[in-house]
PDB file of N, CA and C in Angstrom:
ATOM      1  N   UNK A   1       0.838  -1.185   0.000  1.00  0.00           N
ATOM      2  CA  UNK A   1       0.000   0.000   0.000  1.00  0.00           C
ATOM      3  C   UNK A   1       0.885   1.252   0.000  1.00  0.00           C
ATOM      4  N   UNK A   2       0.654   2.104  -0.951  1.00  0.00           N
ATOM      5  CA  UNK A   2       1.423   3.339  -1.059  1.00  0.00           C
ATOM      6  C   UNK A   2       0.762   4.426  -0.210  1.00  0.00           C
ATOM      7  N   UNK A   3       1.568   5.123   0.554  1.00  0.00           N
ATOM      8  CA  UNK A   3       1.053   6.219   1.372  1.00  0.00           C
ATOM      9  C   UNK A   3       0.701   7.418   0.504  1.00  0.00           C
ATOM     10  N   UNK A   4      -0.317   8.138   0.910  1.00  0.00           N
ATOM     11  CA  UNK A   4      -0.587   9.422   0.260  1.00  0.00           C
ATOM     12  C   UNK A   4       0.462  10.406   0.761  1.00  0.00           C
ATOM     13  N   UNK A   5       0.568  11.554   0.106  1.00  0.00           N
ATOM     14  CA  UNK A   5       1.517  12.580   0.549  1.00  0.00           C
ATOM     15  C   UNK A   5       1.240  12.977   2.000  1.00  0.00           C
ATOM     16  N   UNK A   6      -0.046  13.160   2.319  1.00  0.00           N
ATOM     17  CA  UNK A   6      -0.427  13.575   3.676  1.00  0.00           C
ATOM     18  C   UNK A   6      -0.093  12.487   4.701  1.00  0.00           C
ATOM     19  N   UNK A   7      -0.357  11.214   4.361  1.00  0.00           N
ATOM     20  CA  UNK A   7      -0.030  10.111   5.271  1.00  0.00           C
ATOM     21  C   UNK A   7       1.480  10.024   5.490  1.00  0.00           C
ATOM     22  N   UNK A   8       2.241  10.166   4.401  1.00  0.00           N
ATOM     23  CA  UNK A   8       3.697  10.122   4.542  1.00  0.00           C
ATOM     24  C   UNK A   8       4.173  11.243   5.464  1.00  0.00           C
ATOM     25  N   UNK A   9       3.658  12.447   5.245  1.00  0.00           N
ATOM     26  CA  UNK A   9       4.062  13.587   6.070  1.00  0.00           C
ATOM     27  C   UNK A   9       3.762  13.324   7.540  1.00  0.00           C
ATOM     28  N   UNK A  10       2.576  12.809   7.819  1.00  0.00           N
ATOM     29  CA  UNK A  10       2.187  12.525   9.196  1.00  0.00           C
ATOM     30  C   UNK A  10       3.065  11.438   9.812  1.00  0.00           C
ATOM     31  N   UNK A  11       3.266  10.335   9.094  1.00  0.00           N
ATOM     32  CA  UNK A  11       4.067   9.218   9.620  1.00  0.00           C
ATOM     33  C   UNK A  11       5.536   9.636   9.807  1.00  0.00           C
ATOM     34  N   UNK A  12       6.077  10.355   8.840  1.00  0.00           N
ATOM     35  CA  UNK A  12       7.484  10.758   8.964  1.00  0.00           C
ATOM     36  C   UNK A  12       7.656  11.767  10.101  1.00  0.00           C
ATOM     37  N   UNK A  13       6.720  12.723  10.224  1.00  0.00           N
ATOM     38  CA  UNK A  13       6.793  13.683  11.340  1.00  0.00           C
ATOM     39  C   UNK A  13       6.735  12.958  12.678  1.00  0.00           C
ATOM     40  N   UNK A  14       5.791  12.050  12.814  1.00  0.00           N
ATOM     41  CA  UNK A  14       5.653  11.303  14.077  1.00  0.00           C
ATOM     42  C   UNK A  14       6.903  10.484  14.371  1.00  0.00           C
ATOM     43  N   UNK A  15       7.432   9.818  13.360  1.00  0.00           N
ATOM     44  CA  UNK A  15       8.627   8.974  13.552  1.00  0.00           C
ATOM     45  C   UNK A  15       9.837   9.802  13.950  1.00  0.00           C
ATOM     46  N   UNK A  16      10.054  10.921  13.250  1.00  0.00           N
ATOM     47  CA  UNK A  16      11.215  11.755  13.555  1.00  0.00           C
ATOM     48  C   UNK A  16      11.063  12.446  14.912  1.00  0.00           C
ATOM     49  N   UNK A  17       9.859  12.877  15.247  1.00  0.00           N
ATOM     50  CA  UNK A  17       9.658  13.511  16.549  1.00  0.00           C
ATOM     51  C   UNK A  17       9.870  12.512  17.687  1.00  0.00           C
ATOM     52  N   UNK A  18       9.391  11.286  17.523  1.00  0.00           N
ATOM     53  CA  UNK A  18       9.597  10.252  18.544  1.00  0.00           C
ATOM     54  C   UNK A  18      11.085   9.926  18.688  1.00  0.00           C
ATOM     55  N   UNK A  19      11.773   9.789  17.556  1.00  0.00           N
ATOM     56  CA  UNK A  19      13.210   9.509  17.592  1.00  0.00           C
ATOM     57  C   UNK A  19      13.958  10.668  18.240  1.00  0.00           C
ATOM     58  N   UNK A  20      13.614  11.886  17.848  1.00  0.00           N
ATOM     59  CA  UNK A  20      14.249  13.066  18.438  1.00  0.00           C
ATOM     60  C   UNK A  20      14.060  13.088  19.950  1.00  0.00           C
ATOM     61  N   UNK A  21      12.858  12.837  20.403  1.00  0.00           N
ATOM     62  CA  UNK A  21      12.571  12.858  21.837  1.00  0.00           C
ATOM     63  C   UNK A  21      13.433  11.843  22.592  1.00  0.00           C
ATOM     64  N   UNK A  22      13.529  10.632  22.066  1.00  0.00           N
ATOM     65  CA  UNK A  22      14.320   9.584  22.734  1.00  0.00           C
ATOM     66  C   UNK A  22      15.815   9.919  22.700  1.00  0.00           C
ATOM     67  N   UNK A  23      16.292  10.432  21.557  1.00  0.00           N
ATOM     68  CA  UNK A  23      17.717  10.776  21.466  1.00  0.00           C
ATOM     69  C   UNK A  23      18.049  12.001  22.306  1.00  0.00           C
ATOM     70  N   UNK A  24      17.146  12.974  22.367  1.00  0.00           N
ATOM     71  CA  UNK A  24      17.389  14.171  23.179  1.00  0.00           C
ATOM     72  C   UNK A  24      17.505  13.784  24.649  1.00  0.00           C
ATOM     73  N   UNK A  25      16.636  12.893  25.113  1.00  0.00           N
ATOM     74  CA  UNK A  25      16.733  12.419  26.500  1.00  0.00           C
ATOM     75  C   UNK A  25      18.065  11.708  26.726  1.00  0.00           C
ATOM     76  N   UNK A  26      18.452  10.846  25.791  1.00  0.00           N
ATOM     77  CA  UNK A  26      19.695  10.081  25.928  1.00  0.00           C
ATOM     78  C   UNK A  26      20.925  10.975  25.836  1.00  0.00           C
ATOM     79  N   UNK A  27      20.852  12.057  25.063  1.00  0.00           N
ATOM     80  CA  UNK A  27      22.025  12.911  24.871  1.00  0.00           C
ATOM     81  C   UNK A  27      22.451  13.593  26.172  1.00  0.00           C
ATOM     82  N   UNK A  28      21.554  13.636  27.138  1.00  0.00           N
ATOM     83  CA  UNK A  28      21.932  14.208  28.438  1.00  0.00           C
ATOM     84  C   UNK A  28      22.940  13.318  29.161  1.00  0.00           C
ATOM     85  N   UNK A  29      22.940  12.022  28.838  1.00  0.00           N
ATOM     86  CA  UNK A  29      23.834  11.066  29.491  1.00  0.00           C
ATOM     87  C   UNK A  29      25.002  10.629  28.610  1.00  0.00           C
ATOM     88  N   UNK A  30      24.986  11.010  27.337  1.00  0.00           N
ATOM     89  CA  UNK A  30      26.026  10.593  26.394  1.00  0.00           C
ATOM     90  C   UNK A  30      26.603  11.814  25.696  1.00  0.00           C
ATOM     91  N   UNK A  31      27.757  11.620  25.063  1.00  0.00           N
ATOM     92  CA  UNK A  31      28.489  12.735  24.471  1.00  0.00           C
ATOM     93  C   UNK A  31      28.122  12.967  23.000  1.00  0.00           C
ATOM     94  N   UNK A  32      26.907  13.459  22.766  1.00  0.00           N
ATOM     95  CA  UNK A  32      26.497  13.879  21.430  1.00  0.00           C
ATOM     96  C   UNK A  32      25.380  14.905  21.567  1.00  0.00           C
ATOM     97  N   UNK A  33      25.181  15.651  20.494  1.00  0.00           N
ATOM     98  CA  UNK A  33      24.094  16.636  20.450  1.00  0.00           C
ATOM     99  C   UNK A  33      23.088  16.181  19.408  1.00  0.00           C
ATOM    100  N   UNK A  34      21.828  16.496  19.656  1.00  0.00           N
ATOM    101  CA  UNK A  34      20.776  16.163  18.704  1.00  0.00           C
ATOM    102  C   UNK A  34      19.924  17.408  18.488  1.00  0.00           C
ATOM    103  N   UNK A  35      19.566  17.652  17.228  1.00  0.00           N
ATOM    104  CA  UNK A  35      18.739  18.813  16.887  1.00  0.00           C
ATOM    105  C   UNK A  35      17.686  18.405  15.877  1.00  0.00           C
ATOM    106  N   UNK A  36      16.581  19.134  15.914  1.00  0.00           N
ATOM    107  CA  UNK A  36      15.535  18.970  14.915  1.00  0.00           C
ATOM    108  C   UNK A  36      15.372  20.332  14.268  1.00  0.00           C
ATOM    109  N   UNK A  37      15.542  20.394  12.940  1.00  0.00           N
ATOM    110  CA  UNK A  37      15.484  21.669  12.250  1.00  0.00           C
ATOM    111  C   UNK A  37      14.844  21.483  10.884  1.00  0.00           C
ATOM    112  N   UNK A  38      13.757  22.187  10.625  1.00  0.00           N
ATOM    113  CA  UNK A  38      13.056  22.115   9.333  1.00  0.00           C
ATOM    114  C   UNK A  38      12.722  20.681   8.926  1.00  0.00           C
ATOM    115  N   UNK A  39      12.306  19.871   9.895  1.00  0.00           N
ATOM    116  CA  UNK A  39      11.885  18.509   9.599  1.00  0.00           C
ATOM    117  C   UNK A  39      13.001  17.493   9.520  1.00  0.00           C
ATOM    118  N   UNK A  40      14.258  17.917   9.642  1.00  0.00           N
ATOM    119  CA  UNK A  40      15.397  17.000   9.608  1.00  0.00           C
ATOM    120  C   UNK A  40      16.013  16.892  10.989  1.00  0.00           C
ATOM    121  N   UNK A  41      16.444  15.700  11.326  1.00  0.00           N
ATOM    122  CA  UNK A  41      17.069  15.448  12.614  1.00  0.00           C
ATOM    123  C   UNK A  41      18.575  15.273  12.393  1.00  0.00           C
ATOM    124  N   UNK A  42      19.393  15.887  13.232  1.00  0.00           N
ATOM    125  CA  UNK A  42      20.842  15.691  13.146  1.00  0.00           C
ATOM    126  C   UNK A  42      21.380  15.241  14.494  1.00  0.00           C
ATOM    127  N   UNK A  43      22.352  14.357  14.432  1.00  0.00           N
ATOM    128  CA  UNK A  43      23.083  13.900  15.612  1.00  0.00           C
ATOM    129  C   UNK A  43      24.535  14.265  15.346  1.00  0.00           C
ATOM    130  N   UNK A  44      25.149  15.018  16.284  1.00  0.00           N
ATOM    131  CA  UNK A  44      26.527  15.458  16.077  1.00  0.00           C
ATOM    132  C   UNK A  44      27.430  15.017  17.215  1.00  0.00           C
ATOM    133  N   UNK A  45      28.634  14.603  16.810  1.00  0.00           N
ATOM    134  CA  UNK A  45      29.687  14.221  17.744  1.00  0.00           C
ATOM    135  C   UNK A  45      30.832  15.207  17.578  1.00  0.00           C
ATOM    136  N   UNK A  46      31.520  15.508  18.670  1.00  0.00           N
ATOM    137  CA  UNK A  46      32.610  16.488  18.628  1.00  0.00           C
ATOM    138  C   UNK A  46      33.928  15.886  18.151  1.00  0.00           C
ATOM    139  N   UNK A  47      34.477  14.945  18.886  1.00  0.00           N
ATOM    140  CA  UNK A  47      35.822  14.438  18.585  1.00  0.00           C
ATOM    141  C   UNK A  47      35.825  12.936  18.391  1.00  0.00           C
ATOM    142  N   UNK A  48      36.153  12.437  17.217  1.00  0.00           N
ATOM    143  CA  UNK A  48      36.297  13.207  15.984  1.00  0.00           C
ATOM    144  C   UNK A  48      34.925  13.675  15.498  1.00  0.00           C
ATOM    145  N   UNK A  49      34.939  14.784  14.811  1.00  0.00           N
ATOM    146  CA  UNK A  49      33.695  15.407  14.366  1.00  0.00           C
ATOM    147  C   UNK A  49      32.971  14.501  13.368  1.00  0.00           C
ATOM    148  N   UNK A  50      31.697  14.313  13.613  1.00  0.00           N
ATOM    149  CA  UNK A  50      30.884  13.494  12.720  1.00  0.00           C
ATOM    150  C   UNK A  50      29.424  13.906  12.895  1.00  0.00           C
ATOM    151  N   UNK A  51      28.655  13.795  11.820  1.00  0.00           N
ATOM    152  CA  UNK A  51      27.238  14.172  11.858  1.00  0.00           C
ATOM    153  C   UNK A  51      26.427  13.105  11.144  1.00  0.00           C
ATOM    154  N   UNK A  52      25.313  12.726  11.758  1.00  0.00           N
ATOM    155  CA  UNK A  52      24.328  11.856  11.130  1.00  0.00           C
ATOM    156  C   UNK A  52      23.120  12.726  10.809  1.00  0.00           C
ATOM    157  N   UNK A  53      22.533  12.531   9.648  1.00  0.00           N
ATOM    158  CA  UNK A  53      21.361  13.307   9.241  1.00  0.00           C
ATOM    159  C   UNK A  53      20.225  12.344   8.906  1.00  0.00           C
ATOM    160  N   UNK A  54      19.053  12.632   9.446  1.00  0.00           N
ATOM    161  CA  UNK A  54      17.846  11.844   9.189  1.00  0.00           C
ATOM    162  C   UNK A  54      16.817  12.812   8.629  1.00  0.00           C
ATOM    163  N   UNK A  55      16.367  12.567   7.392  1.00  0.00           N
ATOM    164  CA  UNK A  55      15.429  13.514   6.792  1.00  0.00           C
ATOM    165  C   UNK A  55      14.405  12.798   5.921  1.00  0.00           C
ATOM    166  N   UNK A  56      13.188  13.340   5.916  1.00  0.00           N
ATOM    167  CA  UNK A  56      12.168  12.771   5.040  1.00  0.00           C
ATOM    168  C   UNK A  56      12.426  13.183   3.593  1.00  0.00           C
ATOM    169  N   UNK A  57      12.153  12.288   2.676  1.00  0.00           N
ATOM    170  CA  UNK A  57      12.232  12.593   1.250  1.00  0.00           C
ATOM    171  C   UNK A  57      10.824  12.378   0.696  1.00  0.00           C
ATOM    172  N   UNK A  58      10.052  13.452   0.703  1.00  0.00           N
ATOM    173  CA  UNK A  58       8.630  13.373   0.342  1.00  0.00           C
ATOM    174  C   UNK A  58       8.359  12.850  -1.067  1.00  0.00           C
ATOM    175  N   UNK A  59       9.115  13.262  -2.093  1.00  0.00           N
ATOM    176  CA  UNK A  59       8.783  12.785  -3.444  1.00  0.00           C
ATOM    177  C   UNK A  59       8.792  11.255  -3.570  1.00  0.00           C
ATOM    178  N   UNK A  60       9.686  10.581  -2.850  1.00  0.00           N
ATOM    179  CA  UNK A  60       9.753   9.118  -2.932  1.00  0.00           C
ATOM    180  C   UNK A  60       9.164   8.441  -1.693  1.00  0.00           C
ATOM    181  N   UNK A  61       8.652   9.252  -0.755  1.00  0.00           N
ATOM    182  CA  UNK A  61       7.994   8.757   0.469  1.00  0.00           C
ATOM    183  C   UNK A  61       8.898   7.816   1.259  1.00  0.00           C
ATOM    184  N   UNK A  62      10.116   8.275   1.489  1.00  0.00           N
ATOM    185  CA  UNK A  62      11.091   7.534   2.280  1.00  0.00           C
ATOM    186  C   UNK A  62      11.721   8.472   3.300  1.00  0.00           C
ATOM    187  N   UNK A  63      12.299   7.868   4.331  1.00  0.00           N
ATOM    188  CA  UNK A  63      13.164   8.613   5.236  1.00  0.00           C
ATOM    189  C   UNK A  63      14.583   8.184   4.900  1.00  0.00           C
ATOM    190  N   UNK A  64      15.440   9.172   4.687  1.00  0.00           N
ATOM    191  CA  UNK A  64      16.825   8.900   4.336  1.00  0.00           C
ATOM    192  C   UNK A  64      17.720   9.226   5.520  1.00  0.00           C
ATOM    193  N   UNK A  65      18.710   8.364   5.721  1.00  0.00           N
ATOM    194  CA  UNK A  65      19.677   8.544   6.795  1.00  0.00           C
ATOM    195  C   UNK A  65      21.068   8.532   6.188  1.00  0.00           C
ATOM    196  N   UNK A  66      21.864   9.489   6.608  1.00  0.00           N
ATOM    197  CA  UNK A  66      23.278   9.515   6.252  1.00  0.00           C
ATOM    198  C   UNK A  66      24.055   9.353   7.549  1.00  0.00           C
ATOM    199  N   UNK A  67      24.822   8.256   7.644  1.00  0.00           N
ATOM    200  CA  UNK A  67      25.599   7.981   8.860  1.00  0.00           C
ATOM    201  C   UNK A  67      26.814   7.130   8.491  1.00  0.00           C
ATOM    202  N   UNK A  68      27.953   7.476   9.048  1.00  0.00           N
ATOM    203  CA  UNK A  68      29.203   6.735   8.795  1.00  0.00           C
ATOM    204  C   UNK A  68      29.483   6.613   7.297  1.00  0.00           C
ATOM    205  N   UNK A  69      29.380   7.703   6.581  1.00  0.00           N
ATOM    206  CA  UNK A  69      29.615   7.786   5.136  1.00  0.00           C
ATOM    207  C   UNK A  69      28.803   6.762   4.338  1.00  0.00           C
ATOM    208  N   UNK A  70      27.631   6.444   4.824  1.00  0.00           N
ATOM    209  CA  UNK A  70      26.709   5.563   4.119  1.00  0.00           C
ATOM    210  C   UNK A  70      25.349   6.237   4.112  1.00  0.00           C
ATOM    211  N   UNK A  71      24.511   5.820   3.168  1.00  0.00           N
ATOM    212  CA  UNK A  71      23.145   6.314   3.188  1.00  0.00           C
ATOM    213  C   UNK A  71      22.197   5.122   3.242  1.00  0.00           C
ATOM    214  N   UNK A  72      21.093   5.346   3.913  1.00  0.00           N
ATOM    215  CA  UNK A  72      20.091   4.310   4.125  1.00  0.00           C
ATOM    216  C   UNK A  72      18.730   4.894   3.767  1.00  0.00           C
ATOM    217  N   UNK A  73      17.890   4.087   3.126  1.00  0.00           N
ATOM    218  CA  UNK A  73      16.570   4.559   2.700  1.00  0.00           C
ATOM    219  C   UNK A  73      15.500   3.669   3.311  1.00  0.00           C
ATOM    220  N   UNK A  74      14.636   4.303   4.110  1.00  0.00           N
ATOM    221  CA  UNK A  74      13.604   3.593   4.857  1.00  0.00           C
ATOM    222  C   UNK A  74      12.232   3.793   4.238  1.00  0.00           C
ATOM    223  N   UNK A  75      11.481   2.704   4.117  1.00  0.00           N
ATOM    224  CA  UNK A  75      10.113   2.739   3.632  1.00  0.00           C
ATOM    225  C   UNK A  75       9.164   2.452   4.794  1.00  0.00           C
ATOM    226  N   UNK A  76       7.955   3.017   4.729  1.00  0.00           N
ATOM    227  CA  UNK A  76       6.944   2.759   5.750  1.00  0.00           C
ATOM    228  C   UNK A  76       6.418   1.332   5.585  1.00  0.00           C
ATOM    229  N   UNK A  77       6.424   0.572   6.682  1.00  0.00           N
ATOM    230  CA  UNK A  77       5.874  -0.784   6.688  1.00  0.00           C
ATOM    231  C   UNK A  77       4.743  -0.819   7.710  1.00  0.00           C
ATOM    232  N   UNK A  78       3.497  -0.842   7.237  1.00  0.00           N
ATOM    233  CA  UNK A  78       2.355  -0.813   8.157  1.00  0.00           C
ATOM    234  C   UNK A  78       2.385  -1.945   9.181  1.00  0.00           C
ATOM    235  N   UNK A  79       2.820  -3.138   8.750  1.00  0.00           N
ATOM    236  CA  UNK A  79       2.839  -4.279   9.680  1.00  0.00           C
ATOM    237  C   UNK A  79       3.831  -4.067  10.824  1.00  0.00           C
ATOM    238  N   UNK A  80       4.869  -3.281  10.602  1.00  0.00           N
ATOM    239  CA  UNK A  80       5.846  -2.970  11.651  1.00  0.00           C
ATOM    240  C   UNK A  80       5.465  -1.688  12.384  1.00  0.00           C
ATOM    241  N   UNK A  81       4.610  -0.886  11.762  1.00  0.00           N
ATOM    242  CA  UNK A  81       4.256   0.410  12.338  1.00  0.00           C
ATOM    243  C   UNK A  81       5.457   1.332  12.410  1.00  0.00           C
ATOM    244  N   UNK A  82       6.370   1.174  11.425  1.00  0.00           N
ATOM    245  CA  UNK A  82       7.625   1.932  11.463  1.00  0.00           C
ATOM    246  C   UNK A  82       8.213   2.034  10.064  1.00  0.00           C
ATOM    247  N   UNK A  83       9.180   2.948   9.928  1.00  0.00           N
ATOM    248  CA  UNK A  83       9.978   3.014   8.710  1.00  0.00           C
ATOM    249  C   UNK A  83      11.070   1.965   8.846  1.00  0.00           C
ATOM    250  N   UNK A  84      11.234   1.143   7.789  1.00  0.00           N
ATOM    251  CA  UNK A  84      12.076  -0.045   7.852  1.00  0.00           C
ATOM    252  C   UNK A  84      12.984  -0.101   6.623  1.00  0.00           C
ATOM    253  N   UNK A  85      14.217  -0.613   6.816  1.00  0.00           N
ATOM    254  CA  UNK A  85      15.129  -0.880   5.695  1.00  0.00           C
ATOM    255  C   UNK A  85      14.662  -2.151   4.991  1.00  0.00           C
ATOM    256  N   UNK A  86      14.474  -2.084   3.695  1.00  0.00           N
ATOM    257  CA  UNK A  86      13.966  -3.239   2.947  1.00  0.00           C
ATOM    258  C   UNK A  86      14.895  -4.446   3.040  1.00  0.00           C
ATOM    259  N   UNK A  87      16.212  -4.236   2.926  1.00  0.00           N
ATOM    260  CA  UNK A  87      17.131  -5.369   2.865  1.00  0.00           C
ATOM    261  C   UNK A  87      17.343  -6.070   4.206  1.00  0.00           C
ATOM    262  N   UNK A  88      17.329  -5.323   5.311  1.00  0.00           N
ATOM    263  CA  UNK A  88      17.630  -5.932   6.610  1.00  0.00           C
ATOM    264  C   UNK A  88      16.428  -6.037   7.538  1.00  0.00           C
ATOM    265  N   UNK A  89      15.389  -5.251   7.281  1.00  0.00           N
ATOM    266  CA  UNK A  89      14.243  -5.247   8.180  1.00  0.00           C
ATOM    267  C   UNK A  89      14.444  -4.398   9.425  1.00  0.00           C
ATOM    268  N   UNK A  90      15.581  -3.695   9.509  1.00  0.00           N
ATOM    269  CA  UNK A  90      15.838  -2.832  10.671  1.00  0.00           C
ATOM    270  C   UNK A  90      14.943  -1.609  10.624  1.00  0.00           C
ATOM    271  N   UNK A  91      14.470  -1.217  11.805  1.00  0.00           N
ATOM    272  CA  UNK A  91      13.684   0.009  11.880  1.00  0.00           C
ATOM    273  C   UNK A  91      14.636   1.196  11.934  1.00  0.00           C
ATOM    274  N   UNK A  92      14.069   2.373  11.717  1.00  0.00           N
ATOM    275  CA  UNK A  92      14.838   3.612  11.794  1.00  0.00           C
ATOM    276  C   UNK A  92      15.511   3.734  13.153  1.00  0.00           C
ATOM    277  N   UNK A  93      14.772   3.472  14.224  1.00  0.00           N
ATOM    278  CA  UNK A  93      15.356   3.580  15.563  1.00  0.00           C
ATOM    279  C   UNK A  93      16.479   2.567  15.767  1.00  0.00           C
ATOM    280  N   UNK A  94      16.286   1.331  15.316  1.00  0.00           N
ATOM    281  CA  UNK A  94      17.343   0.319  15.471  1.00  0.00           C
ATOM    282  C   UNK A  94      18.626   0.737  14.760  1.00  0.00           C
ATOM    283  N   UNK A  95      18.493   1.238  13.547  1.00  0.00           N
ATOM    284  CA  UNK A  95      19.681   1.660  12.795  1.00  0.00           C
ATOM    285  C   UNK A  95      20.377   2.809  13.498  1.00  0.00           C
ATOM    286  N   UNK A  96      19.614   3.782  13.990  1.00  0.00           N
ATOM    287  CA  UNK A  96      20.228   4.930  14.662  1.00  0.00           C
ATOM    288  C   UNK A  96      20.936   4.504  15.944  1.00  0.00           C
ATOM    289  N   UNK A  97      20.342   3.601  16.696  1.00  0.00           N
ATOM    290  CA  UNK A  97      21.012   3.098  17.910  1.00  0.00           C
ATOM    291  C   UNK A  97      22.319   2.417  17.528  1.00  0.00           C
ATOM    292  N   UNK A  98      22.296   1.572  16.500  1.00  0.00           N
ATOM    293  CA  UNK A  98      23.524   0.885  16.074  1.00  0.00           C
ATOM    294  C   UNK A  98      24.574   1.873  15.581  1.00  0.00           C
ATOM    295  N   UNK A  99      24.162   2.892  14.834  1.00  0.00           N
ATOM    296  CA  UNK A  99      25.103   3.893  14.326  1.00  0.00           C
ATOM    297  C   UNK A  99      25.762   4.644  15.483  1.00  0.00           C
ATOM    298  N   UNK A 100      24.981   5.022  16.477  1.00  0.00           N
ATOM    299  CA  UNK A 100      25.535   5.731  17.634  1.00  0.00           C
ATOM    300  C   UNK A 100      26.427   4.800  18.455  1.00  0.00           C
ATOM    301  N   UNK A 101      26.069   3.527  18.535  1.00  0.00           N
ATOM    302  CA  UNK A 101      26.895   2.571  19.283  1.00  0.00           C
ATOM    303  C   UNK A 101      28.277   2.386  18.666  1.00  0.00           C
ATOM    304  N   UNK A 102      28.423   2.651  17.378  1.00  0.00           N
ATOM    305  CA  UNK A 102      29.752   2.576  16.759  1.00  0.00           C
ATOM    306  C   UNK A 102      30.664   3.650  17.345  1.00  0.00           C
ATOM    307  N   UNK A 103      30.073   4.754  17.787  1.00  0.00           N
ATOM    308  CA  UNK A 103      30.824   5.834  18.423  1.00  0.00           C
ATOM    309  C   UNK A 103      30.855   5.677  19.946  1.00  0.00           C
ATOM    310  N   UNK A 104      29.739   5.237  20.498  1.00  0.00           N
ATOM    311  CA  UNK A 104      29.570   5.126  21.955  1.00  0.00           C
ATOM    312  C   UNK A 104      29.058   3.718  22.261  1.00  0.00           C
ATOM    313  N   UNK A 105      29.978   2.756  22.425  1.00  0.00           N
ATOM    314  CA  UNK A 105      29.578   1.341  22.543  1.00  0.00           C
ATOM    315  C   UNK A 105      28.541   1.045  23.636  1.00  0.00           C
ATOM    316  N   UNK A 106      28.503   1.828  24.689  1.00  0.00           N
ATOM    317  CA  UNK A 106      27.551   1.535  25.768  1.00  0.00           C
ATOM    318  C   UNK A 106      26.214   2.262  25.586  1.00  0.00           C
ATOM    319  N   UNK A 107      26.011   2.905  24.434  1.00  0.00           N
ATOM    320  CA  UNK A 107      24.799   3.679  24.200  1.00  0.00           C
ATOM    321  C   UNK A 107      23.559   2.784  24.149  1.00  0.00           C
ATOM    322  N   UNK A 108      22.492   3.257  24.782  1.00  0.00           N
ATOM    323  CA  UNK A 108      21.187   2.569  24.735  1.00  0.00           C
ATOM    324  C   UNK A 108      20.114   3.619  24.959  1.00  0.00           C
ATOM    325  N   UNK A 109      18.932   3.391  24.354  1.00  0.00           N
ATOM    326  CA  UNK A 109      17.783   4.255  24.640  1.00  0.00           C
ATOM    327  C   UNK A 109      16.609   3.388  25.033  1.00  0.00           C
TER     328      UNK A 109
END
């Protein structure tokens, strides 16, 4: 089932806001900053400097993530109730936790 533009906007907003909320809470205990700006979420590390970007791509109805010099494209899966990577089945939150754990091995949310 293909999402309408409005459904995609709603699902992506909800997903990014939920992820932002969980990461913002966690950032108080870990060494990274998280921001939400114009619908895109960024996670930044100081030393060595690195940035992860999570942003909706409305024309293709996906959420795109850039982390560790790789890009990932997530599609909405109603049965999972989440944006999911087609090849691995990982949710957006699972991928972000794993990406942050590469920098901060004890990270958990």
